[in-house]
């Protein structure tokens, strides 16, 4: 009977040890899954951070390029405006523009005068009495007795 009790105790201890080992293995697997999830989340976050940084860097480069281009254009404009040849060309362009504007104004005035004259003639013709059409001679009456 003592042997049987001892065997049952050994069996119970063995089953308890197996259950503990099984629980430990399940816990290890859960920990492994959680570690992999955490690693995946960290990798995703690192990827998103890298993409965001790359985008910010690209935007910064574009702003710098635009600023450099604008400064170059301003410098080129300043150099051109300081050039006596450019100033002479600018004055000639202004003279030509003034001449063209004066010519256009003169043509517009001439056209307006011509239109006013045509309108005055048309009004004068409307106001003049219309010539009376010649009166028709009475047709000779033929007597029915003839």
N, C-alpha and C. Protein backbone atom coordinates (compact mmCIF):
# COMPACT_ATOMS: atom_id res chain seq x y z
N UNK A 1 0.83 -1.19 0.00
CA UNK A 1 0.00 0.00 0.00
C UNK A 1 0.87 1.25 0.00
N UNK A 2 1.99 1.17 0.71
CA UNK A 2 2.90 2.31 0.76
C UNK A 2 3.51 2.55 -0.59
N UNK A 3 3.79 1.44 -1.29
CA UNK A 3 4.36 1.57 -2.64
C UNK A 3 3.36 2.24 -3.57
N UNK A 4 2.12 1.85 -3.43
CA UNK A 4 1.08 2.41 -4.28
C UNK A 4 0.94 3.91 -4.01
N UNK A 5 0.94 4.29 -2.76
CA UNK A 5 0.84 5.70 -2.39
C UNK A 5 2.05 6.45 -2.95
N UNK A 6 3.23 5.82 -2.84
CA UNK A 6 4.44 6.45 -3.34
C UNK A 6 4.36 6.60 -4.86
N UNK A 7 3.90 5.58 -5.56
CA UNK A 7 3.77 5.66 -7.03
C UNK A 7 2.78 6.74 -7.43
N UNK A 8 1.64 6.81 -6.68
CA UNK A 8 0.66 7.84 -6.98
C UNK A 8 1.25 9.23 -6.76
N UNK A 9 2.04 9.37 -5.69
CA UNK A 9 2.68 10.66 -5.42
C UNK A 9 3.68 10.99 -6.53
N UNK A 10 4.45 9.97 -6.94
CA UNK A 10 5.43 10.18 -8.02
C UNK A 10 4.71 10.55 -9.32
N UNK A 11 3.62 9.85 -9.58
CA UNK A 11 2.84 10.13 -10.79
C UNK A 11 2.26 11.54 -10.72
N UNK A 12 1.76 11.93 -9.55
CA UNK A 12 1.19 13.27 -9.38
C UNK A 12 2.28 14.31 -9.56
N UNK A 13 3.45 14.02 -8.98
CA UNK A 13 4.57 14.96 -9.14
C UNK A 13 4.99 15.06 -10.61
N UNK A 14 5.03 13.90 -11.30
CA UNK A 14 5.40 13.88 -12.72
C UNK A 14 4.39 14.68 -13.54
N UNK A 15 3.10 14.49 -13.25
CA UNK A 15 2.05 15.21 -13.99
C UNK A 15 2.14 16.71 -13.70
N UNK A 16 2.43 17.05 -12.45
CA UNK A 16 2.57 18.46 -12.08
C UNK A 16 3.78 19.07 -12.79
N UNK A 17 4.85 18.33 -12.88
CA UNK A 17 6.06 18.81 -13.56
C UNK A 17 5.78 18.99 -15.05
N UNK A 18 5.05 18.04 -15.64
CA UNK A 18 4.71 18.15 -17.06
C UNK A 18 3.81 19.37 -17.30
N UNK A 19 2.85 19.58 -16.39
CA UNK A 19 1.95 20.72 -16.53
C UNK A 19 2.74 22.02 -16.42
N UNK A 20 3.70 22.08 -15.48
CA UNK A 20 4.52 23.28 -15.33
C UNK A 20 5.38 23.51 -16.57
N UNK A 21 5.91 22.40 -17.12
CA UNK A 21 6.74 22.51 -18.32
C UNK A 21 5.89 22.99 -19.50
N UNK A 22 4.68 22.46 -19.59
CA UNK A 22 3.77 22.88 -20.67
C UNK A 22 3.44 24.37 -20.51
N UNK A 23 3.11 24.82 -19.29
CA UNK A 23 2.81 26.23 -19.04
C UNK A 23 4.01 27.11 -19.38
N UNK A 24 5.20 26.64 -18.98
CA UNK A 24 6.41 27.41 -19.27
C UNK A 24 6.63 27.52 -20.78
N UNK A 25 6.39 26.43 -21.52
CA UNK A 25 6.55 26.46 -22.98
C UNK A 25 5.54 27.42 -23.62
N UNK A 26 4.28 27.39 -23.16
CA UNK A 26 3.26 28.30 -23.68
C UNK A 26 3.63 29.75 -23.38
N UNK A 27 4.12 30.00 -22.18
CA UNK A 27 4.52 31.35 -21.80
C UNK A 27 5.70 31.81 -22.66
N UNK A 28 6.65 30.90 -22.91
CA UNK A 28 7.79 31.24 -23.77
C UNK A 28 7.32 31.59 -25.18
N UNK A 29 6.36 30.81 -25.70
CA UNK A 29 5.84 31.07 -27.04
C UNK A 29 5.10 32.42 -27.08
N UNK A 30 4.31 32.73 -26.05
CA UNK A 30 3.61 34.02 -25.99
C UNK A 30 4.62 35.17 -25.96
N UNK A 31 5.64 34.99 -25.16
CA UNK A 31 6.68 36.02 -25.06
C UNK A 31 7.37 36.21 -26.40
N UNK A 32 7.61 35.10 -27.09
CA UNK A 32 8.26 35.16 -28.42
C UNK A 32 7.36 35.91 -29.41
N UNK A 33 6.06 35.60 -29.42
CA UNK A 33 5.11 36.27 -30.31
C UNK A 33 5.07 37.77 -30.00
N UNK A 34 5.01 38.11 -28.71
CA UNK A 34 4.98 39.52 -28.32
C UNK A 34 6.26 40.23 -28.74
N UNK A 35 7.39 39.56 -28.59
CA UNK A 35 8.67 40.16 -28.99
C UNK A 35 8.69 40.40 -30.49
N UNK A 36 8.19 39.43 -31.26
CA UNK A 36 8.15 39.60 -32.72
C UNK A 36 7.21 40.74 -33.11
N UNK A 37 6.05 40.86 -32.44
CA UNK A 37 5.13 41.95 -32.72
C UNK A 37 5.78 43.30 -32.42
N UNK A 38 6.44 43.35 -31.26
CA UNK A 38 7.10 44.60 -30.87
C UNK A 38 8.19 44.96 -31.88
N UNK A 39 8.95 43.95 -32.30
CA UNK A 39 10.01 44.19 -33.29
C UNK A 39 9.41 44.70 -34.61
N UNK A 40 8.29 44.09 -35.02
CA UNK A 40 7.63 44.51 -36.27
C UNK A 40 7.13 45.95 -36.14
N UNK A 41 6.56 46.28 -34.98
CA UNK A 41 6.08 47.65 -34.77
C UNK A 41 7.24 48.65 -34.79
N UNK A 42 8.35 48.27 -34.16
CA UNK A 42 9.52 49.16 -34.15
C UNK A 42 10.07 49.35 -35.56
N UNK A 43 10.11 48.25 -36.33
CA UNK A 43 10.58 48.34 -37.72
C UNK A 43 9.67 49.24 -38.54
N UNK A 44 8.35 49.09 -38.35
CA UNK A 44 7.39 49.92 -39.08
C UNK A 44 7.57 51.39 -38.71
N UNK A 45 7.73 51.64 -37.40
CA UNK A 45 7.92 53.02 -36.95
C UNK A 45 9.22 53.60 -37.52
N UNK A 46 10.26 52.78 -37.52
CA UNK A 46 11.54 53.24 -38.07
C UNK A 46 11.40 53.53 -39.57
N UNK A 47 10.66 52.69 -40.26
CA UNK A 47 10.44 52.90 -41.70
C UNK A 47 9.68 54.21 -41.93
N UNK A 48 8.61 54.42 -41.15
CA UNK A 48 7.82 55.65 -41.29
C UNK A 48 8.66 56.88 -40.95
N UNK A 49 9.48 56.78 -39.92
CA UNK A 49 10.36 57.89 -39.56
C UNK A 49 11.34 58.20 -40.69
N UNK A 50 11.91 57.14 -41.26
CA UNK A 50 12.86 57.33 -42.36
C UNK A 50 12.18 57.97 -43.56
N UNK A 51 10.96 57.52 -43.88
CA UNK A 51 10.22 58.11 -45.00
C UNK A 51 9.90 59.57 -44.74
N UNK A 52 9.47 59.87 -43.50
CA UNK A 52 9.14 61.25 -43.13
C UNK A 52 10.39 62.12 -43.23
N UNK A 53 11.50 61.62 -42.73
CA UNK A 53 12.74 62.39 -42.79
C UNK A 53 13.17 62.62 -44.23
N UNK A 54 13.03 61.58 -45.06
CA UNK A 54 13.39 61.72 -46.47
C UNK A 54 12.51 62.77 -47.15
N UNK A 55 11.22 62.75 -46.83
CA UNK A 55 10.29 63.72 -47.42
C UNK A 55 10.65 65.13 -46.96
N UNK A 56 10.91 65.28 -45.66
CA UNK A 56 11.28 66.59 -45.14
C UNK A 56 12.58 67.08 -45.79
N UNK A 57 13.53 66.18 -45.97
CA UNK A 57 14.81 66.55 -46.59
C UNK A 57 14.58 66.98 -48.05
N UNK A 58 13.72 66.26 -48.76
CA UNK A 58 13.41 66.60 -50.15
C UNK A 58 12.75 67.98 -50.21
N UNK A 59 11.80 68.24 -49.31
CA UNK A 59 11.13 69.54 -49.29
C UNK A 59 12.13 70.65 -48.97
N UNK A 60 13.03 70.38 -48.03
CA UNK A 60 14.04 71.38 -47.66
C UNK A 60 14.94 71.67 -48.87
N UNK A 61 15.35 70.61 -49.57
CA UNK A 61 16.20 70.81 -50.76
C UNK A 61 15.47 71.64 -51.82
N UNK A 62 14.18 71.33 -52.03
CA UNK A 62 13.41 72.08 -53.03
C UNK A 62 13.31 73.56 -52.64
N UNK A 63 13.06 73.82 -51.34
CA UNK A 63 12.99 75.22 -50.88
C UNK A 63 14.33 75.91 -51.09
N UNK A 64 15.41 75.21 -50.79
CA UNK A 64 16.74 75.79 -50.98
C UNK A 64 17.00 76.07 -52.45
N UNK A 65 16.61 75.12 -53.33
CA UNK A 65 16.80 75.32 -54.77
C UNK A 65 16.00 76.52 -55.26
N UNK A 66 14.74 76.63 -54.80
CA UNK A 66 13.90 77.76 -55.21
C UNK A 66 14.51 79.07 -54.73
N UNK A 67 15.00 79.08 -53.50
CA UNK A 67 15.60 80.29 -52.94
C UNK A 67 16.87 80.66 -53.71
N UNK A 68 17.68 79.65 -54.02
CA UNK A 68 18.91 79.89 -54.79
C UNK A 68 18.56 80.44 -56.17
N UNK A 69 17.57 79.85 -56.81
CA UNK A 69 17.16 80.29 -58.15
C UNK A 69 16.66 81.74 -58.09
N UNK A 70 15.85 82.04 -57.07
CA UNK A 70 15.32 83.40 -56.93
C UNK A 70 16.46 84.40 -56.71
N UNK A 71 17.42 84.03 -55.87
CA UNK A 71 18.55 84.92 -55.61
C UNK A 71 19.37 85.12 -56.89
N UNK A 72 19.58 84.04 -57.64
CA UNK A 72 20.33 84.16 -58.90
C UNK A 72 19.62 85.09 -59.87
N UNK A 73 18.28 84.96 -59.95
CA UNK A 73 17.52 85.83 -60.85
C UNK A 73 17.62 87.29 -60.40
N UNK A 74 17.55 87.51 -59.08
CA UNK A 74 17.67 88.88 -58.57
C UNK A 74 19.06 89.44 -58.87
N UNK A 75 20.09 88.60 -58.66
CA UNK A 75 21.47 89.04 -58.94
C UNK A 75 21.64 89.37 -60.43
N UNK A 76 21.09 88.51 -61.29
CA UNK A 76 21.19 88.73 -62.74
C UNK A 76 20.48 90.02 -63.12
N UNK A 77 19.31 90.25 -62.53
CA UNK A 77 18.56 91.47 -62.83
C UNK A 77 19.36 92.70 -62.37
N UNK A 78 19.95 92.60 -61.17
CA UNK A 78 20.73 93.72 -60.65
C UNK A 78 21.94 93.99 -61.55
N UNK A 79 22.61 92.91 -62.01
CA UNK A 79 23.76 93.08 -62.91
C UNK A 79 23.32 93.74 -64.22
N UNK A 80 22.20 93.28 -64.75
CA UNK A 80 21.72 93.85 -66.02
C UNK A 80 21.36 95.32 -65.85
N UNK A 81 20.66 95.63 -64.75
CA UNK A 81 20.25 97.03 -64.54
C UNK A 81 21.45 97.93 -64.33
N UNK A 82 22.53 97.39 -63.82
CA UNK A 82 23.74 98.19 -63.61
C UNK A 82 24.50 98.38 -64.92
N UNK A 83 24.23 97.57 -65.91
CA UNK A 83 24.94 97.63 -67.20
C UNK A 83 24.46 98.84 -67.99
N UNK A 84 25.38 99.74 -68.42
CA UNK A 84 24.97 100.94 -69.18
C UNK A 84 24.26 100.57 -70.49
N UNK A 85 24.69 99.49 -71.11
CA UNK A 85 24.07 99.07 -72.37
C UNK A 85 22.60 98.70 -72.12
N UNK A 86 22.35 98.02 -71.01
CA UNK A 86 20.99 97.63 -70.66
C UNK A 86 20.15 98.88 -70.42
N UNK A 87 20.72 99.86 -69.71
CA UNK A 87 19.98 101.09 -69.42
C UNK A 87 19.63 101.82 -70.71
N UNK A 88 20.58 101.85 -71.66
CA UNK A 88 20.34 102.49 -72.96
C UNK A 88 19.21 101.77 -73.69
N UNK A 89 19.28 100.44 -73.69
CA UNK A 89 18.25 99.63 -74.35
C UNK A 89 16.89 99.91 -73.71
N UNK A 90 16.86 99.98 -72.39
CA UNK A 90 15.61 100.23 -71.67
C UNK A 90 15.03 101.60 -72.08
N UNK A 91 15.90 102.63 -72.17
CA UNK A 91 15.42 103.96 -72.58
C UNK A 91 14.85 103.93 -74.00
N UNK A 92 15.54 103.21 -74.88
CA UNK A 92 15.05 103.11 -76.27
C UNK A 92 13.69 102.40 -76.31
N UNK A 93 13.55 101.37 -75.51
CA UNK A 93 12.26 100.66 -75.45
C UNK A 93 11.16 101.59 -74.95
N UNK A 94 11.48 102.40 -73.93
CA UNK A 94 10.49 103.34 -73.40
C UNK A 94 10.11 104.38 -74.45
N UNK A 95 11.11 104.89 -75.20
CA UNK A 95 10.81 105.86 -76.26
C UNK A 95 9.91 105.23 -77.31
N UNK A 96 10.26 104.01 -77.72
CA UNK A 96 9.47 103.32 -78.74
C UNK A 96 8.04 103.10 -78.24
N UNK A 97 7.90 102.76 -76.97
CA UNK A 97 6.57 102.52 -76.42
C UNK A 97 5.76 103.84 -76.40
N UNK A 98 6.42 104.95 -76.04
CA UNK A 98 5.73 106.25 -76.04
C UNK A 98 5.30 106.63 -77.45
N UNK A 99 6.20 106.40 -78.44
CA UNK A 99 5.85 106.71 -79.84
C UNK A 99 4.65 105.88 -80.28
N UNK A 100 4.69 104.60 -79.95
CA UNK A 100 3.60 103.71 -80.36
C UNK A 100 2.29 104.15 -79.71
N UNK A 101 2.35 104.55 -78.45
CA UNK A 101 1.14 104.99 -77.75
C UNK A 101 0.61 106.28 -78.37
N UNK A 102 1.51 107.20 -78.72
CA UNK A 102 1.09 108.46 -79.34
C UNK A 102 0.46 108.19 -80.70
N UNK A 103 1.07 107.29 -81.47
CA UNK A 103 0.54 106.96 -82.79
C UNK A 103 -0.84 106.32 -82.66
N UNK A 104 -0.99 105.41 -81.70
CA UNK A 104 -2.28 104.76 -81.49
C UNK A 104 -3.34 105.78 -81.08
N UNK A 105 -2.96 106.74 -80.23
CA UNK A 105 -3.91 107.77 -79.80
C UNK A 105 -4.32 108.63 -81.00
N UNK A 106 -3.34 108.98 -81.85
CA UNK A 106 -3.63 109.79 -83.03
C UNK A 106 -4.59 109.05 -83.96
N UNK A 107 -4.30 107.76 -84.21
CA UNK A 107 -5.18 106.97 -85.08
C UNK A 107 -6.58 106.87 -84.48
N UNK A 108 -6.66 106.69 -83.18
CA UNK A 108 -7.98 106.58 -82.53
C UNK A 108 -8.73 107.90 -82.67
N UNK A 109 -8.03 109.04 -82.53
CA UNK A 109 -8.68 110.34 -82.67
C UNK A 109 -9.18 110.53 -84.10
N UNK A 110 -8.34 110.14 -85.08
CA UNK A 110 -8.75 110.26 -86.49
C UNK A 110 -9.98 109.41 -86.77
N UNK A 111 -9.95 108.17 -86.23
CA UNK A 111 -11.09 107.27 -86.46
C UNK A 111 -12.35 107.85 -85.82
N UNK A 112 -12.22 108.39 -84.62
CA UNK A 112 -13.38 108.96 -83.93
C UNK A 112 -13.92 110.16 -84.72
N UNK A 113 -13.02 111.00 -85.27
CA UNK A 113 -13.45 112.15 -86.06
C UNK A 113 -14.18 111.68 -87.31
N UNK A 114 -13.64 110.65 -87.98
CA UNK A 114 -14.28 110.13 -89.20
C UNK A 114 -15.66 109.57 -88.87
N UNK A 115 -15.77 108.86 -87.76
CA UNK A 115 -17.07 108.31 -87.37
C UNK A 115 -18.05 109.43 -87.05
N UNK A 116 -17.58 110.47 -86.37
CA UNK A 116 -18.46 111.59 -86.03
C UNK A 116 -18.93 112.29 -87.31
N UNK A 117 -18.03 112.45 -88.26
CA UNK A 117 -18.39 113.10 -89.53
C UNK A 117 -19.43 112.27 -90.27
N UNK A 118 -19.21 110.94 -90.32
CA UNK A 118 -20.16 110.05 -91.00
C UNK A 118 -21.52 110.11 -90.30
N UNK A 119 -21.51 110.16 -88.99
CA UNK A 119 -22.76 110.24 -88.24
C UNK A 119 -23.47 111.56 -88.52
N UNK A 120 -22.71 112.64 -88.57
CA UNK A 120 -23.30 113.96 -88.85
C UNK A 120 -23.94 113.96 -90.25
N UNK A 121 -23.24 113.39 -91.23
CA UNK A 121 -23.80 113.32 -92.59
C UNK A 121 -25.09 112.52 -92.60
N UNK A 122 -25.09 111.41 -91.90
CA UNK A 122 -26.28 110.55 -91.87
C UNK A 122 -27.45 111.30 -91.23
N UNK A 123 -27.16 112.03 -90.15
CA UNK A 123 -28.23 112.78 -89.49
C UNK A 123 -28.73 113.91 -90.40
N UNK A 124 -27.81 114.57 -91.12
CA UNK A 124 -28.22 115.66 -92.01
C UNK A 124 -29.14 115.12 -93.10
N UNK A 125 -28.82 113.93 -93.60
CA UNK A 125 -29.66 113.36 -94.66
C UNK A 125 -31.03 112.98 -94.12
N UNK A 126 -31.07 112.51 -92.89
CA UNK A 126 -32.36 112.14 -92.30
C UNK A 126 -33.23 113.38 -92.07
N UNK A 127 -32.58 114.50 -91.69
CA UNK A 127 -33.33 115.70 -91.38
C UNK A 127 -33.76 116.45 -92.65
N UNK A 128 -33.07 116.28 -93.74
CA UNK A 128 -33.44 116.97 -94.99
C UNK A 128 -34.79 116.43 -95.45
N UNK A 129 -35.63 117.34 -96.00
CA UNK A 129 -36.94 116.85 -96.46
C UNK A 129 -36.74 115.88 -97.63
N UNK A 130 -37.49 114.83 -97.57
CA UNK A 130 -37.39 113.84 -98.64
C UNK A 130 -38.03 114.42 -99.90
N UNK A 131 -37.38 114.24 -101.03
CA UNK A 131 -37.99 114.78 -102.26
C UNK A 131 -39.32 114.09 -102.51
N UNK A 132 -40.29 114.90 -102.94
CA UNK A 132 -41.62 114.32 -103.16
C UNK A 132 -41.59 113.60 -104.50
N UNK A 133 -42.14 112.45 -104.54
CA UNK A 133 -42.15 111.70 -105.81
C UNK A 133 -43.08 112.42 -106.78
N UNK A 134 -42.76 112.37 -108.07
CA UNK A 134 -43.63 113.03 -109.05
C UNK A 134 -45.03 112.42 -109.01
N UNK A 135 -46.01 113.31 -109.19
CA UNK A 135 -47.38 112.82 -109.11
C UNK A 135 -47.75 112.17 -110.43
N UNK A 136 -48.47 111.14 -110.32
CA UNK A 136 -48.89 110.42 -111.52
C UNK A 136 -50.01 111.21 -112.20
N UNK A 137 -49.95 111.24 -113.54
CA UNK A 137 -51.00 111.95 -114.29
C UNK A 137 -52.26 111.12 -114.21
N UNK A 138 -53.41 111.82 -114.13
CA UNK A 138 -54.64 111.03 -114.08
C UNK A 138 -54.82 110.30 -115.41
N UNK A 139 -55.21 109.06 -115.28
CA UNK A 139 -55.38 108.29 -116.50
C UNK A 139 -56.66 108.74 -117.19
N UNK A 140 -56.61 108.85 -118.50
CA UNK A 140 -57.83 109.29 -119.20
C UNK A 140 -58.95 108.29 -119.03
N UNK A 141 -60.08 108.85 -118.77
CA UNK A 141 -61.21 107.96 -118.55
C UNK A 141 -61.85 107.64 -119.90
N UNK A 142 -62.08 106.42 -120.02
CA UNK A 142 -62.72 106.00 -121.24
C UNK A 142 -64.22 105.84 -120.95
N UNK A 143 -65.00 106.50 -121.75
CA UNK A 143 -66.42 106.42 -121.46
C UNK A 143 -66.95 105.10 -121.98
N UNK A 144 -67.84 104.54 -121.27
CA UNK A 144 -68.36 103.25 -121.67
C UNK A 144 -69.21 103.33 -122.95
N UNK A 145 -69.56 104.55 -123.33
CA UNK A 145 -70.44 104.68 -124.50
C UNK A 145 -69.66 104.50 -125.78
N UNK A 146 -68.40 104.57 -125.70
CA UNK A 146 -67.63 104.56 -126.93
C UNK A 146 -67.53 103.26 -127.58
